[in-house]
């Protein structure tokens, strides 16, 4: 079973969380000006890399807060978790124990 560290509650079983898609995707500023193609790109088109990927997760069976996680899509390893108001962690920097 996978342990994911909630920035507020600490490590919990993956079954307590809900996946929310790619992180750092800004909501369009002038939604009335978007055509169907632009809306489709915002709603459906996301990156699909092999390796580290920034995702949104919600701790549904805990604090019910949203947070971001860097997860390796090839190994499923959670490399780091961080609050939405924090910058994406630099994976090149050495970690101080546990998740980066």
C-alpha atoms as a PDB file:
ATOM      1  CA  UNK A   1       0.000   0.000   0.000  1.00  0.00           C
ATOM      2  CA  UNK A   2       1.201   3.505  -0.806  1.00  0.00           C
ATOM      3  CA  UNK A   3       1.666   6.113   1.936  1.00  0.00           C
ATOM      4  CA  UNK A   4       1.062   9.721   0.949  1.00  0.00           C
ATOM      5  CA  UNK A   5       2.083  12.515   3.305  1.00  0.00           C
ATOM      6  CA  UNK A   6      -0.616  15.152   3.733  1.00  0.00           C
ATOM      7  CA  UNK A   7       1.087  18.497   4.477  1.00  0.00           C
ATOM      8  CA  UNK A   8      -1.370  19.008   7.372  1.00  0.00           C
ATOM      9  CA  UNK A   9      -2.069  15.490   8.714  1.00  0.00           C
ATOM     10  CA  UNK A  10       1.117  13.577   7.970  1.00  0.00           C
ATOM     11  CA  UNK A  11       1.509  10.142   6.314  1.00  0.00           C
ATOM     12  CA  UNK A  12      -1.735   8.304   5.576  1.00  0.00           C
ATOM     13  CA  UNK A  13      -2.850   5.356   3.452  1.00  0.00           C
ATOM     14  CA  UNK A  14      -3.520   6.145  -0.208  1.00  0.00           C
ATOM     15  CA  UNK A  15      -7.179   5.110   0.190  1.00  0.00           C
ATOM     16  CA  UNK A  16      -7.795   8.325   2.172  1.00  0.00           C
ATOM     17  CA  UNK A  17      -7.040  10.517  -0.859  1.00  0.00           C
ATOM     18  CA  UNK A  18      -8.724  11.563  -4.096  1.00  0.00           C
ATOM     19  CA  UNK A  19      -6.775  12.376  -7.249  1.00  0.00           C
ATOM     20  CA  UNK A  20      -7.421  15.814  -8.740  1.00  0.00           C
ATOM     21  CA  UNK A  21      -5.427  15.902 -11.956  1.00  0.00           C
ATOM     22  CA  UNK A  22      -2.407  17.866 -13.058  1.00  0.00           C
ATOM     23  CA  UNK A  23      -1.204  20.602 -10.694  1.00  0.00           C
ATOM     24  CA  UNK A  24      -0.323  24.157 -11.662  1.00  0.00           C
ATOM     25  CA  UNK A  25      -2.927  24.463 -14.444  1.00  0.00           C
ATOM     26  CA  UNK A  26      -4.254  28.031 -14.222  1.00  0.00           C
ATOM     27  CA  UNK A  27      -7.949  28.703 -14.715  1.00  0.00           C
ATOM     28  CA  UNK A  28      -8.531  30.832 -17.845  1.00  0.00           C
ATOM     29  CA  UNK A  29      -8.816  34.544 -17.055  1.00  0.00           C
ATOM     30  CA  UNK A  30     -11.500  35.561 -19.580  1.00  0.00           C
ATOM     31  CA  UNK A  31     -13.699  32.501 -19.871  1.00  0.00           C
ATOM     32  CA  UNK A  32     -16.290  34.295 -22.017  1.00  0.00           C
ATOM     33  CA  UNK A  33     -13.641  34.822 -24.702  1.00  0.00           C
ATOM     34  CA  UNK A  34     -12.765  31.114 -25.074  1.00  0.00           C
ATOM     35  CA  UNK A  35     -14.013  29.139 -28.034  1.00  0.00           C
ATOM     36  CA  UNK A  36     -14.847  25.419 -27.897  1.00  0.00           C
ATOM     37  CA  UNK A  37     -11.327  24.380 -28.910  1.00  0.00           C
ATOM     38  CA  UNK A  38      -9.751  26.508 -26.163  1.00  0.00           C
ATOM     39  CA  UNK A  39     -12.178  25.118 -23.534  1.00  0.00           C
ATOM     40  CA  UNK A  40     -11.422  21.571 -24.683  1.00  0.00           C
ATOM     41  CA  UNK A  41      -7.693  22.227 -24.325  1.00  0.00           C
ATOM     42  CA  UNK A  42      -8.191  23.568 -20.787  1.00  0.00           C
ATOM     43  CA  UNK A  43     -10.501  20.744 -19.664  1.00  0.00           C
ATOM     44  CA  UNK A  44      -9.083  17.685 -21.411  1.00  0.00           C
ATOM     45  CA  UNK A  45      -5.496  18.250 -22.537  1.00  0.00           C
ATOM     46  CA  UNK A  46      -2.874  17.519 -19.899  1.00  0.00           C
ATOM     47  CA  UNK A  47       0.767  16.525 -19.825  1.00  0.00           C
ATOM     48  CA  UNK A  48       1.476  12.805 -19.635  1.00  0.00           C
ATOM     49  CA  UNK A  49       5.189  12.466 -18.862  1.00  0.00           C
ATOM     50  CA  UNK A  50       7.144   9.419 -17.851  1.00  0.00           C
ATOM     51  CA  UNK A  51       8.851  10.428 -14.605  1.00  0.00           C
ATOM     52  CA  UNK A  52       8.180  13.196 -12.052  1.00  0.00           C
ATOM     53  CA  UNK A  53       4.764  14.817 -12.487  1.00  0.00           C
ATOM     54  CA  UNK A  54       3.042  17.478 -10.358  1.00  0.00           C
ATOM     55  CA  UNK A  55      -0.484  16.404  -9.349  1.00  0.00           C
ATOM     56  CA  UNK A  56      -3.314  17.683  -7.165  1.00  0.00           C
ATOM     57  CA  UNK A  57      -4.645  15.467  -4.379  1.00  0.00           C
ATOM     58  CA  UNK A  58      -7.362  15.936  -1.763  1.00  0.00           C
ATOM     59  CA  UNK A  59      -7.286  14.307   1.682  1.00  0.00           C
ATOM     60  CA  UNK A  60     -10.911  13.185   1.584  1.00  0.00           C
ATOM     61  CA  UNK A  61     -10.894  11.043   4.750  1.00  0.00           C
ATOM     62  CA  UNK A  62      -8.863  13.535   6.775  1.00  0.00           C
ATOM     63  CA  UNK A  63      -8.608  17.322   6.682  1.00  0.00           C
ATOM     64  CA  UNK A  64     -10.356  17.504   3.250  1.00  0.00           C
ATOM     65  CA  UNK A  65      -7.732  19.959   1.991  1.00  0.00           C
ATOM     66  CA  UNK A  66      -6.155  20.060  -1.439  1.00  0.00           C
ATOM     67  CA  UNK A  67      -2.385  19.782  -1.827  1.00  0.00           C
ATOM     68  CA  UNK A  68       0.161  19.087  -4.542  1.00  0.00           C
ATOM     69  CA  UNK A  69       2.338  16.018  -4.918  1.00  0.00           C
ATOM     70  CA  UNK A  70       5.262  15.192  -7.157  1.00  0.00           C
ATOM     71  CA  UNK A  71       4.848  11.575  -8.197  1.00  0.00           C
ATOM     72  CA  UNK A  72       6.995   9.485 -10.519  1.00  0.00           C
ATOM     73  CA  UNK A  73       4.581   8.090 -13.093  1.00  0.00           C
ATOM     74  CA  UNK A  74       6.930   5.213 -13.951  1.00  0.00           C
ATOM     75  CA  UNK A  75       7.444   3.920 -10.401  1.00  0.00           C
ATOM     76  CA  UNK A  76       4.362   5.445  -8.667  1.00  0.00           C
ATOM     77  CA  UNK A  77       6.715   6.754  -5.937  1.00  0.00           C
ATOM     78  CA  UNK A  78       5.589   9.983  -4.257  1.00  0.00           C
ATOM     79  CA  UNK A  79       8.694  12.184  -4.371  1.00  0.00           C
ATOM     80  CA  UNK A  80       7.307  15.196  -2.471  1.00  0.00           C
ATOM     81  CA  UNK A  81       4.107  16.752  -1.186  1.00  0.00           C
ATOM     82  CA  UNK A  82       3.510  20.453  -0.654  1.00  0.00           C
ATOM     83  CA  UNK A  83       0.741  22.959   0.037  1.00  0.00           C
ATOM     84  CA  UNK A  84      -0.849  24.798  -2.919  1.00  0.00           C
ATOM     85  CA  UNK A  85       0.624  28.119  -1.762  1.00  0.00           C
ATOM     86  CA  UNK A  86       4.166  26.693  -1.738  1.00  0.00           C
ATOM     87  CA  UNK A  87       6.439  26.499  -4.797  1.00  0.00           C
ATOM     88  CA  UNK A  88       7.108  23.194  -6.512  1.00  0.00           C
ATOM     89  CA  UNK A  89      10.078  21.551  -4.753  1.00  0.00           C
ATOM     90  CA  UNK A  90      13.379  21.282  -6.578  1.00  0.00           C
ATOM     91  CA  UNK A  91      14.097  17.555  -6.825  1.00  0.00           C
ATOM     92  CA  UNK A  92      17.800  18.233  -7.376  1.00  0.00           C
ATOM     93  CA  UNK A  93      18.140  19.602  -3.829  1.00  0.00           C
ATOM     94  CA  UNK A  94      19.066  17.016  -1.158  1.00  0.00           C
ATOM     95  CA  UNK A  95      16.182  15.872   1.049  1.00  0.00           C
ATOM     96  CA  UNK A  96      16.192  16.089   4.837  1.00  0.00           C
ATOM     97  CA  UNK A  97      14.786  12.628   5.537  1.00  0.00           C
ATOM     98  CA  UNK A  98      11.503  11.115   4.336  1.00  0.00           C
ATOM     99  CA  UNK A  99       9.765  12.586   1.331  1.00  0.00           C
ATOM    100  CA  UNK A 100      11.456  15.416  -0.481  1.00  0.00           C
END
